[in-house]
Amino acid sequence: MLNKSLSLSETKYKYALDQLEEFKQIDCDNADMISKLMAETQERQQVYLLSVEKFQASRRVFSVQAKTLIDALSQEKVNLVIQRSKQELTKGLTTYALKQNIQSLKIRET
């Protein structure tokens, strides 16, 4: 009975050691996986942060360009161009002068 009990205890002890080794291996595998996932996450974070920086820079450029466009199309500036063009067109009463003034208007548009 004592031998059977000792044999059973040894079997349970070996089984426990095997499980312990298996858990250590799983823990090691998990640590490797966690390291890989952390590295991948950090890489993705860097890509994201670069994208945010590029977006912010593009947004600043867009804001400046939008303000420039709005300023160029302001009511006062459009009225000024119309007044100036009207004055230039009324200066020359000949067909040639009108054509020249119209050509100068086309050049200013581009």
PDB file of N, CA and C in Angstrom:
ATOM      1  N   MET A   1       0.823  -1.189   0.000  1.00  0.00           N
ATOM      2  CA  MET A   1       0.000   0.000   0.000  1.00  0.00           C
ATOM      3  C   MET A   1       0.876   1.264   0.000  1.00  0.00           C
ATOM      4  N   LEU A   2       1.940   1.166   0.786  1.00  0.00           N
ATOM      5  CA  LEU A   2       2.868   2.282   0.855  1.00  0.00           C
ATOM      6  C   LEU A   2       3.545   2.498  -0.503  1.00  0.00           C
ATOM      7  N   ASN A   3       3.926   1.416  -1.162  1.00  0.00           N
ATOM      8  CA  ASN A   3       4.534   1.512  -2.497  1.00  0.00           C
ATOM      9  C   ASN A   3       3.552   2.080  -3.517  1.00  0.00           C
ATOM     10  N   LYS A   4       2.309   1.643  -3.440  1.00  0.00           N
ATOM     11  CA  LYS A   4       1.293   2.159  -4.355  1.00  0.00           C
ATOM     12  C   LYS A   4       1.082   3.648  -4.130  1.00  0.00           C
ATOM     13  N   SER A   5       1.033   4.038  -2.872  1.00  0.00           N
ATOM     14  CA  SER A   5       0.839   5.439  -2.524  1.00  0.00           C
ATOM     15  C   SER A   5       2.033   6.266  -3.006  1.00  0.00           C
ATOM     16  N   LEU A   6       3.241   5.733  -2.804  1.00  0.00           N
ATOM     17  CA  LEU A   6       4.449   6.409  -3.263  1.00  0.00           C
ATOM     18  C   LEU A   6       4.465   6.514  -4.789  1.00  0.00           C
ATOM     19  N   SER A   7       4.088   5.465  -5.453  1.00  0.00           N
ATOM     20  CA  SER A   7       4.040   5.448  -6.922  1.00  0.00           C
ATOM     21  C   SER A   7       3.009   6.450  -7.425  1.00  0.00           C
ATOM     22  N   LEU A   8       1.862   6.495  -6.798  1.00  0.00           N
ATOM     23  CA  LEU A   8       0.807   7.433  -7.184  1.00  0.00           C
ATOM     24  C   LEU A   8       1.273   8.870  -6.949  1.00  0.00           C
ATOM     25  N   SER A   9       1.953   9.119  -5.831  1.00  0.00           N
ATOM     26  CA  SER A   9       2.475  10.451  -5.522  1.00  0.00           C
ATOM     27  C   SER A   9       3.531  10.855  -6.540  1.00  0.00           C
ATOM     28  N   GLU A  10       4.412   9.933  -6.937  1.00  0.00           N
ATOM     29  CA  GLU A  10       5.434  10.232  -7.947  1.00  0.00           C
ATOM     30  C   GLU A  10       4.795  10.551  -9.292  1.00  0.00           C
ATOM     31  N   THR A  11       3.766   9.802  -9.632  1.00  0.00           N
ATOM     32  CA  THR A  11       3.068  10.048 -10.899  1.00  0.00           C
ATOM     33  C   THR A  11       2.437  11.435 -10.884  1.00  0.00           C
ATOM     34  N   LYS A  12       1.789  11.774  -9.774  1.00  0.00           N
ATOM     35  CA  LYS A  12       1.160  13.094  -9.663  1.00  0.00           C
ATOM     36  C   LYS A  12       2.224  14.201  -9.686  1.00  0.00           C
ATOM     37  N   TYR A  13       3.366  13.938  -9.041  1.00  0.00           N
ATOM     38  CA  TYR A  13       4.454  14.910  -9.015  1.00  0.00           C
ATOM     39  C   TYR A  13       5.005  15.127 -10.421  1.00  0.00           C
ATOM     40  N   LYS A  14       5.214  14.047 -11.177  1.00  0.00           N
ATOM     41  CA  LYS A  14       5.708  14.157 -12.555  1.00  0.00           C
ATOM     42  C   LYS A  14       4.691  14.893 -13.430  1.00  0.00           C
ATOM     43  N   TYR A  15       3.432  14.592 -13.219  1.00  0.00           N
ATOM     44  CA  TYR A  15       2.377  15.267 -13.985  1.00  0.00           C
ATOM     45  C   TYR A  15       2.378  16.761 -13.669  1.00  0.00           C
ATOM     46  N   ALA A  16       2.543  17.100 -12.378  1.00  0.00           N
ATOM     47  CA  ALA A  16       2.591  18.500 -11.961  1.00  0.00           C
ATOM     48  C   ALA A  16       3.807  19.187 -12.569  1.00  0.00           C
ATOM     49  N   LEU A  17       4.972  18.507 -12.599  1.00  0.00           N
ATOM     50  CA  LEU A  17       6.165  19.079 -13.221  1.00  0.00           C
ATOM     51  C   LEU A  17       5.968  19.300 -14.713  1.00  0.00           C
ATOM     52  N   ASP A  18       5.330  18.326 -15.380  1.00  0.00           N
ATOM     53  CA  ASP A  18       5.038  18.475 -16.807  1.00  0.00           C
ATOM     54  C   ASP A  18       4.122  19.682 -17.050  1.00  0.00           C
ATOM     55  N   GLN A  19       3.114  19.812 -16.202  1.00  0.00           N
ATOM     56  CA  GLN A  19       2.200  20.963 -16.346  1.00  0.00           C
ATOM     57  C   GLN A  19       2.945  22.272 -16.103  1.00  0.00           C
ATOM     58  N   LEU A  20       3.815  22.274 -15.095  1.00  0.00           N
ATOM     59  CA  LEU A  20       4.598  23.473 -14.805  1.00  0.00           C
ATOM     60  C   LEU A  20       5.458  23.856 -16.010  1.00  0.00           C
ATOM     61  N   GLU A  21       6.111  22.887 -16.643  1.00  0.00           N
ATOM     62  CA  GLU A  21       6.924  23.158 -17.838  1.00  0.00           C
ATOM     63  C   GLU A  21       6.049  23.679 -18.975  1.00  0.00           C
ATOM     64  N   GLU A  22       4.894  23.089 -19.104  1.00  0.00           N
ATOM     65  CA  GLU A  22       3.967  23.517 -20.157  1.00  0.00           C
ATOM     66  C   GLU A  22       3.517  24.956 -19.909  1.00  0.00           C
ATOM     67  N   PHE A  23       3.202  25.288 -18.658  1.00  0.00           N
ATOM     68  CA  PHE A  23       2.807  26.656 -18.320  1.00  0.00           C
ATOM     69  C   PHE A  23       3.959  27.640 -18.544  1.00  0.00           C
ATOM     70  N   LYS A  24       5.168  27.224 -18.230  1.00  0.00           N
ATOM     71  CA  LYS A  24       6.326  28.088 -18.469  1.00  0.00           C
ATOM     72  C   LYS A  24       6.485  28.359 -19.971  1.00  0.00           C
ATOM     73  N   GLN A  25       6.291  27.318 -20.785  1.00  0.00           N
ATOM     74  CA  GLN A  25       6.392  27.467 -22.237  1.00  0.00           C
ATOM     75  C   GLN A  25       5.294  28.400 -22.751  1.00  0.00           C
ATOM     76  N   ILE A  26       4.087  28.209 -22.244  1.00  0.00           N
ATOM     77  CA  ILE A  26       2.977  29.072 -22.652  1.00  0.00           C
ATOM     78  C   ILE A  26       3.268  30.509 -22.240  1.00  0.00           C
ATOM     79  N   ASP A  27       3.787  30.683 -21.016  1.00  0.00           N
ATOM     80  CA  ASP A  27       4.118  32.016 -20.533  1.00  0.00           C
ATOM     81  C   ASP A  27       5.190  32.655 -21.415  1.00  0.00           C
ATOM     82  N   CYS A  28       6.176  31.879 -21.798  1.00  0.00           N
ATOM     83  CA  CYS A  28       7.243  32.379 -22.668  1.00  0.00           C
ATOM     84  C   CYS A  28       6.673  32.753 -24.036  1.00  0.00           C
ATOM     85  N   ASP A  29       5.807  31.879 -24.566  1.00  0.00           N
ATOM     86  CA  ASP A  29       5.175  32.168 -25.852  1.00  0.00           C
ATOM     87  C   ASP A  29       4.327  33.433 -25.760  1.00  0.00           C
ATOM     88  N   ASN A  30       3.590  33.575 -24.654  1.00  0.00           N
ATOM     89  CA  ASN A  30       2.769  34.769 -24.461  1.00  0.00           C
ATOM     90  C   ASN A  30       3.644  36.016 -24.360  1.00  0.00           C
ATOM     91  N   ALA A  31       4.762  35.905 -23.666  1.00  0.00           N
ATOM     92  CA  ALA A  31       5.667  37.052 -23.555  1.00  0.00           C
ATOM     93  C   ALA A  31       6.203  37.448 -24.929  1.00  0.00           C
ATOM     94  N   ASP A  32       6.554  36.459 -25.747  1.00  0.00           N
ATOM     95  CA  ASP A  32       7.013  36.749 -27.114  1.00  0.00           C
ATOM     96  C   ASP A  32       5.900  37.416 -27.927  1.00  0.00           C
ATOM     97  N   MET A  33       4.701  36.871 -27.805  1.00  0.00           N
ATOM     98  CA  MET A  33       3.560  37.414 -28.545  1.00  0.00           C
ATOM     99  C   MET A  33       3.270  38.839 -28.081  1.00  0.00           C
ATOM    100  N   ILE A  34       3.325  39.072 -26.793  1.00  0.00           N
ATOM    101  CA  ILE A  34       3.080  40.413 -26.263  1.00  0.00           C
ATOM    102  C   ILE A  34       4.143  41.379 -26.773  1.00  0.00           C
ATOM    103  N   SER A  35       5.386  40.952 -26.801  1.00  0.00           N
ATOM    104  CA  SER A  35       6.468  41.805 -27.314  1.00  0.00           C
ATOM    105  C   SER A  35       6.227  42.155 -28.779  1.00  0.00           C
ATOM    106  N   LYS A  36       5.843  41.141 -29.563  1.00  0.00           N
ATOM    107  CA  LYS A  36       5.575  41.392 -30.988  1.00  0.00           C
ATOM    108  C   LYS A  36       4.390  42.335 -31.154  1.00  0.00           C
ATOM    109  N   LEU A  37       3.333  42.112 -30.377  1.00  0.00           N
ATOM    110  CA  LEU A  37       2.151  42.968 -30.476  1.00  0.00           C
ATOM    111  C   LEU A  37       2.471  44.402 -30.038  1.00  0.00           C
ATOM    112  N   MET A  38       3.290  44.549 -29.012  1.00  0.00           N
ATOM    113  CA  MET A  38       3.677  45.889 -28.569  1.00  0.00           C
ATOM    114  C   MET A  38       4.486  46.600 -29.653  1.00  0.00           C
ATOM    115  N   ALA A  39       5.417  45.881 -30.269  1.00  0.00           N
ATOM    116  CA  ALA A  39       6.235  46.479 -31.336  1.00  0.00           C
ATOM    117  C   ALA A  39       5.342  46.894 -32.508  1.00  0.00           C
ATOM    118  N   GLU A  40       4.414  46.025 -32.877  1.00  0.00           N
ATOM    119  CA  GLU A  40       3.504  46.325 -33.986  1.00  0.00           C
ATOM    120  C   GLU A  40       2.613  47.518 -33.639  1.00  0.00           C
ATOM    121  N   THR A  41       2.135  47.560 -32.416  1.00  0.00           N
ATOM    122  CA  THR A  41       1.285  48.662 -31.976  1.00  0.00           C
ATOM    123  C   THR A  41       2.057  49.978 -31.989  1.00  0.00           C
ATOM    124  N   GLN A  42       3.300  49.952 -31.530  1.00  0.00           N
ATOM    125  CA  GLN A  42       4.110  51.164 -31.538  1.00  0.00           C
ATOM    126  C   GLN A  42       4.390  51.631 -32.961  1.00  0.00           C
ATOM    127  N   GLU A  43       4.618  50.681 -33.848  1.00  0.00           N
ATOM    128  CA  GLU A  43       4.857  51.032 -35.253  1.00  0.00           C
ATOM    129  C   GLU A  43       3.608  51.679 -35.855  1.00  0.00           C
ATOM    130  N   ARG A  44       2.461  51.078 -35.582  1.00  0.00           N
ATOM    131  CA  ARG A  44       1.206  51.646 -36.092  1.00  0.00           C
ATOM    132  C   ARG A  44       0.944  53.019 -35.491  1.00  0.00           C
ATOM    133  N   GLN A  45       1.287  53.185 -34.236  1.00  0.00           N
ATOM    134  CA  GLN A  45       1.110  54.479 -33.591  1.00  0.00           C
ATOM    135  C   GLN A  45       1.982  55.533 -34.273  1.00  0.00           C
ATOM    136  N   GLN A  46       3.215  55.177 -34.602  1.00  0.00           N
ATOM    137  CA  GLN A  46       4.108  56.119 -35.287  1.00  0.00           C
ATOM    138  C   GLN A  46       3.539  56.505 -36.650  1.00  0.00           C
ATOM    139  N   VAL A  47       3.035  55.516 -37.386  1.00  0.00           N
ATOM    140  CA  VAL A  47       2.436  55.792 -38.695  1.00  0.00           C
ATOM    141  C   VAL A  47       1.232  56.721 -38.529  1.00  0.00           C
ATOM    142  N   TYR A  48       0.418  56.442 -37.519  1.00  0.00           N
ATOM    143  CA  TYR A  48      -0.761  57.265 -37.258  1.00  0.00           C
ATOM    144  C   TYR A  48      -0.353  58.695 -36.916  1.00  0.00           C
ATOM    145  N   LEU A  49       0.635  58.844 -36.034  1.00  0.00           N
ATOM    146  CA  LEU A  49       1.066  60.183 -35.640  1.00  0.00           C
ATOM    147  C   LEU A  49       1.636  60.959 -36.824  1.00  0.00           C
ATOM    148  N   LEU A  50       2.368  60.273 -37.703  1.00  0.00           N
ATOM    149  CA  LEU A  50       2.865  60.935 -38.923  1.00  0.00           C
ATOM    150  C   LEU A  50       1.704  61.372 -39.815  1.00  0.00           C
ATOM    151  N   SER A  51       0.692  60.519 -39.910  1.00  0.00           N
ATOM    152  CA  SER A  51      -0.486  60.862 -40.706  1.00  0.00           C
ATOM    153  C   SER A  51      -1.197  62.076 -40.127  1.00  0.00           C
ATOM    154  N   VAL A  52      -1.292  62.129 -38.816  1.00  0.00           N
ATOM    155  CA  VAL A  52      -1.928  63.279 -38.166  1.00  0.00           C
ATOM    156  C   VAL A  52      -1.130  64.541 -38.447  1.00  0.00           C
ATOM    157  N   GLU A  53       0.192  64.459 -38.366  1.00  0.00           N
ATOM    158  CA  GLU A  53       1.033  65.625 -38.653  1.00  0.00           C
ATOM    159  C   GLU A  53       0.848  66.094 -40.092  1.00  0.00           C
ATOM    160  N   LYS A  54       0.831  65.141 -41.027  1.00  0.00           N
ATOM    161  CA  LYS A  54       0.632  65.503 -42.440  1.00  0.00           C
ATOM    162  C   LYS A  54      -0.741  66.131 -42.646  1.00  0.00           C
ATOM    163  N   PHE A  55      -1.749  65.570 -41.974  1.00  0.00           N
ATOM    164  CA  PHE A  55      -3.100  66.119 -42.080  1.00  0.00           C
ATOM    165  C   PHE A  55      -3.138  67.548 -41.549  1.00  0.00           C
ATOM    166  N   GLN A  56      -2.517  67.783 -40.394  1.00  0.00           N
ATOM    167  CA  GLN A  56      -2.509  69.123 -39.810  1.00  0.00           C
ATOM    168  C   GLN A  56      -1.792  70.108 -40.732  1.00  0.00           C
ATOM    169  N   ALA A  57      -0.686  69.682 -41.322  1.00  0.00           N
ATOM    170  CA  ALA A  57       0.040  70.560 -42.249  1.00  0.00           C
ATOM    171  C   ALA A  57      -0.817  70.871 -43.471  1.00  0.00           C
ATOM    172  N   SER A  58      -1.477  69.865 -44.017  1.00  0.00           N
ATOM    173  CA  SER A  58      -2.356  70.074 -45.168  1.00  0.00           C
ATOM    174  C   SER A  58      -3.510  71.000 -44.807  1.00  0.00           C
ATOM    175  N   ARG A  59      -4.020  70.826 -43.610  1.00  0.00           N
ATOM    176  CA  ARG A  59      -5.126  71.666 -43.153  1.00  0.00           C
ATOM    177  C   ARG A  59      -4.692  73.121 -43.033  1.00  0.00           C
ATOM    178  N   ARG A  60      -3.476  73.357 -42.522  1.00  0.00           N
ATOM    179  CA  ARG A  60      -2.970  74.725 -42.417  1.00  0.00           C
ATOM    180  C   ARG A  60      -2.814  75.352 -43.805  1.00  0.00           C
ATOM    181  N   VAL A  61      -2.244  74.578 -44.743  1.00  0.00           N
ATOM    182  CA  VAL A  61      -2.072  75.075 -46.110  1.00  0.00           C
ATOM    183  C   VAL A  61      -3.435  75.384 -46.727  1.00  0.00           C
ATOM    184  N   PHE A  62      -4.384  74.472 -46.536  1.00  0.00           N
ATOM    185  CA  PHE A  62      -5.728  74.673 -47.075  1.00  0.00           C
ATOM    186  C   PHE A  62      -6.359  75.934 -46.484  1.00  0.00           C
ATOM    187  N   SER A  63      -6.195  76.146 -45.184  1.00  0.00           N
ATOM    188  CA  SER A  63      -6.777  77.329 -44.537  1.00  0.00           C
ATOM    189  C   SER A  63      -6.206  78.608 -45.126  1.00  0.00           C
ATOM    190  N   VAL A  64      -4.887  78.619 -45.328  1.00  0.00           N
ATOM    191  CA  VAL A  64      -4.248  79.810 -45.914  1.00  0.00           C
ATOM    192  C   VAL A  64      -4.767  80.037 -47.331  1.00  0.00           C
ATOM    193  N   GLN A  65      -4.846  78.966 -48.118  1.00  0.00           N
ATOM    194  CA  GLN A  65      -5.315  79.101 -49.496  1.00  0.00           C
ATOM    195  C   GLN A  65      -6.788  79.512 -49.544  1.00  0.00           C
ATOM    196  N   ALA A  66      -7.592  78.966 -48.636  1.00  0.00           N
ATOM    197  CA  ALA A  66      -9.013  79.327 -48.596  1.00  0.00           C
ATOM    198  C   ALA A  66      -9.172  80.800 -48.240  1.00  0.00           C
ATOM    199  N   LYS A  67      -8.375  81.275 -47.277  1.00  0.00           N
ATOM    200  CA  LYS A  67      -8.436  82.695 -46.899  1.00  0.00           C
ATOM    201  C   LYS A  67      -8.003  83.578 -48.071  1.00  0.00           C
ATOM    202  N   THR A  68      -6.953  83.166 -48.768  1.00  0.00           N
ATOM    203  CA  THR A  68      -6.489  83.925 -49.928  1.00  0.00           C
ATOM    204  C   THR A  68      -7.579  83.992 -50.993  1.00  0.00           C
ATOM    205  N   LEU A  69      -8.232  82.866 -51.237  1.00  0.00           N
ATOM    206  CA  LEU A  69      -9.305  82.829 -52.230  1.00  0.00           C
ATOM    207  C   LEU A  69     -10.484  83.692 -51.809  1.00  0.00           C
ATOM    208  N   ILE A  70     -10.866  83.606 -50.558  1.00  0.00           N
ATOM    209  CA  ILE A  70     -11.988  84.410 -50.066  1.00  0.00           C
ATOM    210  C   ILE A  70     -11.655  85.894 -50.163  1.00  0.00           C
ATOM    211  N   ASP A  71     -10.416  86.236 -49.812  1.00  0.00           N
ATOM    212  CA  ASP A  71      -9.997  87.633 -49.925  1.00  0.00           C
ATOM    213  C   ASP A  71     -10.022  88.098 -51.383  1.00  0.00           C
ATOM    214  N   ALA A  72      -9.561  87.238 -52.283  1.00  0.00           N
ATOM    215  CA  ALA A  72      -9.522  87.609 -53.705  1.00  0.00           C
ATOM    216  C   ALA A  72     -10.929  87.769 -54.276  1.00  0.00           C
ATOM    217  N   LEU A  73     -11.881  87.049 -53.730  1.00  0.00           N
ATOM    218  CA  LEU A  73     -13.245  87.112 -54.244  1.00  0.00           C
ATOM    219  C   LEU A  73     -14.158  87.989 -53.390  1.00  0.00           C
ATOM    220  N   SER A  74     -13.561  88.821 -52.561  1.00  0.00           N
ATOM    221  CA  SER A  74     -14.381  89.693 -51.716  1.00  0.00           C
ATOM    222  C   SER A  74     -15.168  90.675 -52.592  1.00  0.00           C
ATOM    223  N   GLN A  75     -16.272  91.127 -52.065  1.00  0.00           N
ATOM    224  CA  GLN A  75     -17.159  92.025 -52.807  1.00  0.00           C
ATOM    225  C   GLN A  75     -16.431  93.303 -53.221  1.00  0.00           C
ATOM    226  N   GLU A  76     -15.607  93.829 -52.329  1.00  0.00           N
ATOM    227  CA  GLU A  76     -14.893  95.067 -52.628  1.00  0.00           C
ATOM    228  C   GLU A  76     -13.922  94.883 -53.788  1.00  0.00           C
ATOM    229  N   LYS A  77     -13.171  93.785 -53.771  1.00  0.00           N
ATOM    230  CA  LYS A  77     -12.188  93.549 -54.833  1.00  0.00           C
ATOM    231  C   LYS A  77     -12.865  93.284 -56.174  1.00  0.00           C
ATOM    232  N   VAL A  78     -13.958  92.527 -56.152  1.00  0.00           N
ATOM    233  CA  VAL A  78     -14.682  92.263 -57.395  1.00  0.00           C
ATOM    234  C   VAL A  78     -15.245  93.561 -57.949  1.00  0.00           C
ATOM    235  N   ASN A  79     -15.817  94.383 -57.073  1.00  0.00           N
ATOM    236  CA  ASN A  79     -16.352  95.675 -57.521  1.00  0.00           C
ATOM    237  C   ASN A  79     -15.245  96.560 -58.078  1.00  0.00           C
ATOM    238  N   LEU A  80     -14.084  96.537 -57.449  1.00  0.00           N
ATOM    239  CA  LEU A  80     -12.951  97.335 -57.925  1.00  0.00           C
ATOM    240  C   LEU A  80     -12.528  96.883 -59.325  1.00  0.00           C
ATOM    241  N   VAL A  81     -12.442  95.584 -59.549  1.00  0.00           N
ATOM    242  CA  VAL A  81     -12.068  95.066 -60.873  1.00  0.00           C
ATOM    243  C   VAL A  81     -13.114  95.461 -61.915  1.00  0.00           C
ATOM    244  N   ILE A  82     -14.376  95.349 -61.533  1.00  0.00           N
ATOM    245  CA  ILE A  82     -15.455  95.712 -62.472  1.00  0.00           C
ATOM    246  C   ILE A  82     -15.378  97.198 -62.807  1.00  0.00           C
ATOM    247  N   GLN A  83     -15.190  98.036 -61.790  1.00  0.00           N
ATOM    248  CA  GLN A  83     -15.092  99.490 -62.023  1.00  0.00           C
ATOM    249  C   GLN A  83     -13.910  99.819 -62.926  1.00  0.00           C
ATOM    250  N   ARG A  84     -12.751  99.240 -62.622  1.00  0.00           N
ATOM    251  CA  ARG A  84     -11.553  99.506 -63.415  1.00  0.00           C
ATOM    252  C   ARG A  84     -11.756  99.047 -64.859  1.00  0.00           C
ATOM    253  N   SER A  85     -12.343  97.874 -65.028  1.00  0.00           N
ATOM    254  CA  SER A  85     -12.578  97.350 -66.379  1.00  0.00           C
ATOM    255  C   SER A  85     -13.561  98.223 -67.131  1.00  0.00           C
ATOM    256  N   LYS A  86     -14.577  98.654 -66.432  1.00  0.00           N
ATOM    257  CA  LYS A  86     -15.581  99.517 -67.056  1.00  0.00           C
ATOM    258  C   LYS A  86     -14.945 100.827 -67.519  1.00  0.00           C
ATOM    259  N   GLN A  87     -14.096 101.395 -66.666  1.00  0.00           N
ATOM    260  CA  GLN A  87     -13.415 102.644 -67.030  1.00  0.00           C
ATOM    261  C   GLN A  87     -12.506 102.445 -68.237  1.00  0.00           C
ATOM    262  N   GLU A  88     -11.772 101.353 -68.263  1.00  0.00           N
ATOM    263  CA  GLU A  88     -10.860 101.099 -69.374  1.00  0.00           C
ATOM    264  C   GLU A  88     -11.628 100.860 -70.665  1.00  0.00           C
ATOM    265  N   LEU A  89     -12.760 100.164 -70.570  1.00  0.00           N
ATOM    266  CA  LEU A  89     -13.548  99.915 -71.774  1.00  0.00           C
ATOM    267  C   LEU A  89     -14.185 101.197 -72.316  1.00  0.00           C
ATOM    268  N   THR A  90     -14.566 102.087 -71.433  1.00  0.00           N
ATOM    269  CA  THR A  90     -15.210 103.325 -71.909  1.00  0.00           C
ATOM    270  C   THR A  90     -14.191 104.342 -72.427  1.00  0.00           C
ATOM    271  N   LYS A  91     -12.903 104.149 -72.118  1.00  0.00           N
ATOM    272  CA  LYS A  91     -11.872 105.080 -72.615  1.00  0.00           C
ATOM    273  C   LYS A  91     -11.745 104.982 -74.134  1.00  0.00           C
ATOM    274  N   GLY A  92     -11.710 103.769 -74.629  1.00  0.00           N
ATOM    275  CA  GLY A  92     -11.507 103.592 -76.065  1.00  0.00           C
ATOM    276  C   GLY A  92     -12.838 103.332 -76.750  1.00  0.00           C
ATOM    277  N   LEU A  93     -13.201 104.197 -77.636  1.00  0.00           N
ATOM    278  CA  LEU A  93     -14.487 104.061 -78.305  1.00  0.00           C
ATOM    279  C   LEU A  93     -14.374 103.377 -79.663  1.00  0.00           C
ATOM    280  N   THR A  94     -13.168 103.105 -80.108  1.00  0.00           N
ATOM    281  CA  THR A  94     -13.011 102.421 -81.395  1.00  0.00           C
ATOM    282  C   THR A  94     -13.042 100.916 -81.176  1.00  0.00           C
ATOM    283  N   THR A  95     -13.294 100.214 -82.250  1.00  0.00           N
ATOM    284  CA  THR A  95     -13.337  98.754 -82.182  1.00  0.00           C
ATOM    285  C   THR A  95     -11.978  98.212 -81.768  1.00  0.00           C
ATOM    286  N   TYR A  96     -10.931  98.800 -82.331  1.00  0.00           N
ATOM    287  CA  TYR A  96      -9.584  98.345 -81.994  1.00  0.00           C
ATOM    288  C   TYR A  96      -9.298  98.540 -80.496  1.00  0.00           C
ATOM    289  N   ALA A  97      -9.643  99.673 -79.953  1.00  0.00           N
ATOM    290  CA  ALA A  97      -9.404  99.961 -78.533  1.00  0.00           C
ATOM    291  C   ALA A  97     -10.213  99.016 -77.642  1.00  0.00           C
ATOM    292  N   LEU A  98     -11.454  98.749 -78.053  1.00  0.00           N
ATOM    293  CA  LEU A  98     -12.290  97.802 -77.287  1.00  0.00           C
ATOM    294  C   LEU A  98     -11.671  96.411 -77.301  1.00  0.00           C
ATOM    295  N   LYS A  99     -11.191  95.983 -78.467  1.00  0.00           N
ATOM    296  CA  LYS A  99     -10.546  94.668 -78.556  1.00  0.00           C
ATOM    297  C   LYS A  99      -9.312  94.607 -77.667  1.00  0.00           C
ATOM    298  N   GLN A 100      -8.517  95.682 -77.674  1.00  0.00           N
ATOM    299  CA  GLN A 100      -7.308  95.728 -76.841  1.00  0.00           C
ATOM    300  C   GLN A 100      -7.684  95.655 -75.350  1.00  0.00           C
ATOM    301  N   ASN A 101      -8.706  96.385 -74.960  1.00  0.00           N
ATOM    302  CA  ASN A 101      -9.127  96.372 -73.552  1.00  0.00           C
ATOM    303  C   ASN A 101      -9.678  95.004 -73.147  1.00  0.00           C
ATOM    304  N   ILE A 102     -10.416  94.374 -74.049  1.00  0.00           N
ATOM    305  CA  ILE A 102     -10.949  93.030 -73.764  1.00  0.00           C
ATOM    306  C   ILE A 102      -9.806  92.035 -73.640  1.00  0.00           C
ATOM    307  N   GLN A 103      -8.801  92.152 -74.530  1.00  0.00           N
ATOM    308  CA  GLN A 103      -7.630  91.283 -74.439  1.00  0.00           C
ATOM    309  C   GLN A 103      -6.906  91.470 -73.109  1.00  0.00           C
ATOM    310  N   SER A 104      -6.776  92.701 -72.665  1.00  0.00           N
ATOM    311  CA  SER A 104      -6.093  92.940 -71.380  1.00  0.00           C
ATOM    312  C   SER A 104      -6.908  92.357 -70.229  1.00  0.00           C
ATOM    313  N   LEU A 105      -8.234  92.355 -70.349  1.00  0.00           N
ATOM    314  CA  LEU A 105      -9.072  91.730 -69.313  1.00  0.00           C
ATOM    315  C   LEU A 105      -8.849  90.210 -69.283  1.00  0.00           C
ATOM    316  N   LYS A 106      -8.749  89.610 -70.458  1.00  0.00           N
ATOM    317  CA  LYS A 106      -8.525  88.153 -70.540  1.00  0.00           C
ATOM    318  C   LYS A 106      -7.186  87.786 -69.931  1.00  0.00           C
ATOM    319  N   ILE A 107      -6.183  88.608 -70.171  1.00  0.00           N
ATOM    320  CA  ILE A 107      -4.847  88.342 -69.633  1.00  0.00           C
ATOM    321  C   ILE A 107      -4.880  88.443 -68.110  1.00  0.00           C
ATOM    322  N   ARG A 108      -5.597  89.399 -67.556  1.00  0.00           N
ATOM    323  CA  ARG A 108      -5.680  89.553 -66.104  1.00  0.00           C
ATOM    324  C   ARG A 108      -6.389  88.369 -65.441  1.00  0.00           C
ATOM    325  N   GLU A 109      -7.318  87.755 -66.149  1.00  0.00           N
ATOM    326  CA  GLU A 109      -8.068  86.626 -65.574  1.00  0.00           C
ATOM    327  C   GLU A 109      -7.155  85.435 -65.317  1.00  0.00           C
ATOM    328  N   THR A 110      -6.175  85.208 -66.175  1.00  0.00           N
ATOM    329  CA  THR A 110      -5.322  84.026 -66.036  1.00  0.00           C
ATOM    330  C   THR A 110      -4.169  84.269 -65.157  1.00  0.00           C
TER     331      THR A 110
END
